[in-house]
Amino acid sequence: MPSKPTPAAAPLTFDLPLALIAKIEAQRKRAGLGSTSAVVRLALREFDFGGYQPVVAEHRQISVRLAPRLRKFLAQMARKKGVSVGELLRAAVDGLAAGRGKK
């Protein structure tokens, strides 16, 4: 009976901070690996998934009312900065709480 063919590797795309990309490249050179994929496969083989404890911050969803003009401005700023509207809202509230208002 013929065996099932092994599925081909498929791409997986995800965002990483530039500092982590630099670590990948340094490890690639240090280990003599040919690609970023090889470094990620090595990391996954060596990672202790059983001992991993994710840092989880409790979140709660809220709803707020914003005037259409402010909502449009917020959406424009989010696009300009390359972040989500939620990220801008969190930064604004965090800045207010920390006394980091407009300069």
C-alpha atoms as a PDB file:
ATOM      1  CA  MET A   1       0.000   0.000   0.000  1.00  0.00           C
ATOM      2  CA  PRO A   2       1.503   3.369  -0.971  1.00  0.00           C
ATOM      3  CA  SER A   3       2.233   5.716   1.893  1.00  0.00           C
ATOM      4  CA  LYS A   4       0.665   9.144   2.131  1.00  0.00           C
ATOM      5  CA  PRO A   5       2.854  11.894   0.749  1.00  0.00           C
ATOM      6  CA  THR A   6       4.288  14.230   3.372  1.00  0.00           C
ATOM      7  CA  PRO A   7       2.638  17.645   3.151  1.00  0.00           C
ATOM      8  CA  ALA A   8       4.931  20.380   1.873  1.00  0.00           C
ATOM      9  CA  ALA A   9       6.070  23.071   4.275  1.00  0.00           C
ATOM     10  CA  ALA A  10       3.758  26.058   4.228  1.00  0.00           C
ATOM     11  CA  PRO A  11       4.670  29.657   4.987  1.00  0.00           C
ATOM     12  CA  LEU A  12       3.660  31.176   8.318  1.00  0.00           C
ATOM     13  CA  THR A  13       3.750  34.961   8.516  1.00  0.00           C
ATOM     14  CA  PHE A  14       3.895  36.903  11.781  1.00  0.00           C
ATOM     15  CA  ASP A  15       5.221  40.206  13.107  1.00  0.00           C
ATOM     16  CA  LEU A  16       8.377  40.380  15.181  1.00  0.00           C
ATOM     17  CA  PRO A  17      10.100  43.335  16.801  1.00  0.00           C
ATOM     18  CA  LEU A  18      13.268  44.376  14.976  1.00  0.00           C
ATOM     19  CA  ALA A  19      15.369  43.398  17.999  1.00  0.00           C
ATOM     20  CA  LEU A  20      14.132  39.811  17.694  1.00  0.00           C
ATOM     21  CA  ILE A  21      14.833  39.776  13.964  1.00  0.00           C
ATOM     22  CA  ALA A  22      18.401  40.863  14.761  1.00  0.00           C
ATOM     23  CA  LYS A  23      18.651  37.971  17.252  1.00  0.00           C
ATOM     24  CA  ILE A  24      17.474  35.547  14.586  1.00  0.00           C
ATOM     25  CA  GLU A  25      20.074  36.822  12.135  1.00  0.00           C
ATOM     26  CA  ALA A  26      22.852  36.647  14.758  1.00  0.00           C
ATOM     27  CA  GLN A  27      21.857  33.066  15.629  1.00  0.00           C
ATOM     28  CA  ARG A  28      21.692  32.149  11.937  1.00  0.00           C
ATOM     29  CA  LYS A  29      25.287  33.301  11.442  1.00  0.00           C
ATOM     30  CA  ARG A  30      26.527  31.802  14.728  1.00  0.00           C
ATOM     31  CA  ALA A  31      25.001  28.391  14.014  1.00  0.00           C
ATOM     32  CA  GLY A  32      25.842  28.446  10.308  1.00  0.00           C
ATOM     33  CA  LEU A  33      22.209  28.052   9.327  1.00  0.00           C
ATOM     34  CA  GLY A  34      21.032  28.928   5.847  1.00  0.00           C
ATOM     35  CA  SER A  35      17.768  30.695   6.560  1.00  0.00           C
ATOM     36  CA  THR A  36      15.497  32.393   9.047  1.00  0.00           C
ATOM     37  CA  SER A  37      13.215  29.362   8.776  1.00  0.00           C
ATOM     38  CA  ALA A  38      16.061  27.110   9.942  1.00  0.00           C
ATOM     39  CA  VAL A  39      16.588  29.309  13.019  1.00  0.00           C
ATOM     40  CA  VAL A  40      12.875  29.243  13.856  1.00  0.00           C
ATOM     41  CA  ARG A  41      12.737  25.454  13.434  1.00  0.00           C
ATOM     42  CA  LEU A  42      15.754  25.134  15.758  1.00  0.00           C
ATOM     43  CA  ALA A  43      14.130  27.429  18.311  1.00  0.00           C
ATOM     44  CA  LEU A  44      10.922  25.387  18.212  1.00  0.00           C
ATOM     45  CA  ARG A  45      12.815  22.102  18.619  1.00  0.00           C
ATOM     46  CA  GLU A  46      14.700  23.414  21.660  1.00  0.00           C
ATOM     47  CA  PHE A  47      11.890  25.395  23.323  1.00  0.00           C
ATOM     48  CA  ASP A  48      10.448  24.085  26.607  1.00  0.00           C
ATOM     49  CA  PHE A  49       6.752  24.316  25.787  1.00  0.00           C
ATOM     50  CA  GLY A  50       5.871  22.405  28.957  1.00  0.00           C
ATOM     51  CA  GLY A  51       7.572  24.950  31.185  1.00  0.00           C
ATOM     52  CA  TYR A  52       6.334  27.996  29.313  1.00  0.00           C
ATOM     53  CA  GLN A  53       4.119  30.303  31.355  1.00  0.00           C
ATOM     54  CA  PRO A  54       2.768  33.188  29.283  1.00  0.00           C
ATOM     55  CA  VAL A  55       2.509  36.614  30.860  1.00  0.00           C
ATOM     56  CA  VAL A  56      -1.176  37.350  30.715  1.00  0.00           C
ATOM     57  CA  ALA A  57      -2.562  40.732  31.655  1.00  0.00           C
ATOM     58  CA  GLU A  58      -6.240  40.785  32.446  1.00  0.00           C
ATOM     59  CA  HIS A  59      -8.215  42.758  29.888  1.00  0.00           C
ATOM     60  CA  ARG A  60     -11.728  44.042  29.858  1.00  0.00           C
ATOM     61  CA  GLN A  61     -13.534  45.352  26.829  1.00  0.00           C
ATOM     62  CA  ILE A  62     -15.180  48.764  27.163  1.00  0.00           C
ATOM     63  CA  SER A  63     -17.292  50.908  24.868  1.00  0.00           C
ATOM     64  CA  VAL A  64     -16.941  54.665  24.626  1.00  0.00           C
ATOM     65  CA  ARG A  65     -18.761  57.299  22.622  1.00  0.00           C
ATOM     66  CA  LEU A  66     -16.710  59.438  20.255  1.00  0.00           C
ATOM     67  CA  ALA A  67     -17.890  62.193  17.960  1.00  0.00           C
ATOM     68  CA  PRO A  68     -17.607  61.255  14.279  1.00  0.00           C
ATOM     69  CA  ARG A  69     -14.878  63.860  13.767  1.00  0.00           C
ATOM     70  CA  LEU A  70     -12.764  62.459  16.616  1.00  0.00           C
ATOM     71  CA  ARG A  71     -13.365  58.880  15.431  1.00  0.00           C
ATOM     72  CA  LYS A  72     -12.216  59.840  11.911  1.00  0.00           C
ATOM     73  CA  PHE A  73      -9.125  61.593  13.304  1.00  0.00           C
ATOM     74  CA  LEU A  74      -8.293  58.548  15.434  1.00  0.00           C
ATOM     75  CA  ALA A  75      -8.625  56.208  12.428  1.00  0.00           C
ATOM     76  CA  GLN A  76      -6.372  58.484  10.349  1.00  0.00           C
ATOM     77  CA  MET A  77      -3.727  58.612  13.091  1.00  0.00           C
ATOM     78  CA  ALA A  78      -3.855  54.835  13.487  1.00  0.00           C
ATOM     79  CA  ARG A  79      -3.241  54.374   9.751  1.00  0.00           C
ATOM     80  CA  LYS A  80      -0.468  56.989   9.774  1.00  0.00           C
ATOM     81  CA  LYS A  81       1.290  55.359  12.735  1.00  0.00           C
ATOM     82  CA  GLY A  82       0.688  51.807  11.500  1.00  0.00           C
ATOM     83  CA  VAL A  83      -1.124  50.701  14.653  1.00  0.00           C
ATOM     84  CA  SER A  84      -4.661  49.829  15.633  1.00  0.00           C
ATOM     85  CA  VAL A  85      -7.172  52.328  16.968  1.00  0.00           C
ATOM     86  CA  GLY A  86      -7.159  50.312  20.193  1.00  0.00           C
ATOM     87  CA  GLU A  87      -3.401  50.725  20.516  1.00  0.00           C
ATOM     88  CA  LEU A  88      -3.756  54.504  20.210  1.00  0.00           C
ATOM     89  CA  LEU A  89      -6.589  54.549  22.764  1.00  0.00           C
ATOM     90  CA  ARG A  90      -4.509  52.515  25.230  1.00  0.00           C
ATOM     91  CA  ALA A  91      -1.507  54.810  24.728  1.00  0.00           C
ATOM     92  CA  ALA A  92      -3.652  57.923  25.203  1.00  0.00           C
ATOM     93  CA  VAL A  93      -5.264  56.653  28.414  1.00  0.00           C
ATOM     94  CA  ASP A  94      -1.924  55.367  29.727  1.00  0.00           C
ATOM     95  CA  GLY A  95      -0.299  58.735  28.935  1.00  0.00           C
ATOM     96  CA  LEU A  96      -3.075  60.608  30.721  1.00  0.00           C
ATOM     97  CA  ALA A  97      -2.767  58.413  33.813  1.00  0.00           C
ATOM     98  CA  ALA A  98       1.021  58.887  33.819  1.00  0.00           C
ATOM     99  CA  GLY A  99       0.795  62.655  33.292  1.00  0.00           C
ATOM    100  CA  ARG A 100       2.182  62.456  29.757  1.00  0.00           C
ATOM    101  CA  GLY A 101      -0.245  64.756  27.978  1.00  0.00           C
ATOM    102  CA  LYS A 102       0.449  66.907  24.934  1.00  0.00           C
ATOM    103  CA  LYS A 103       3.780  68.679  24.852  1.00  0.00           C
END
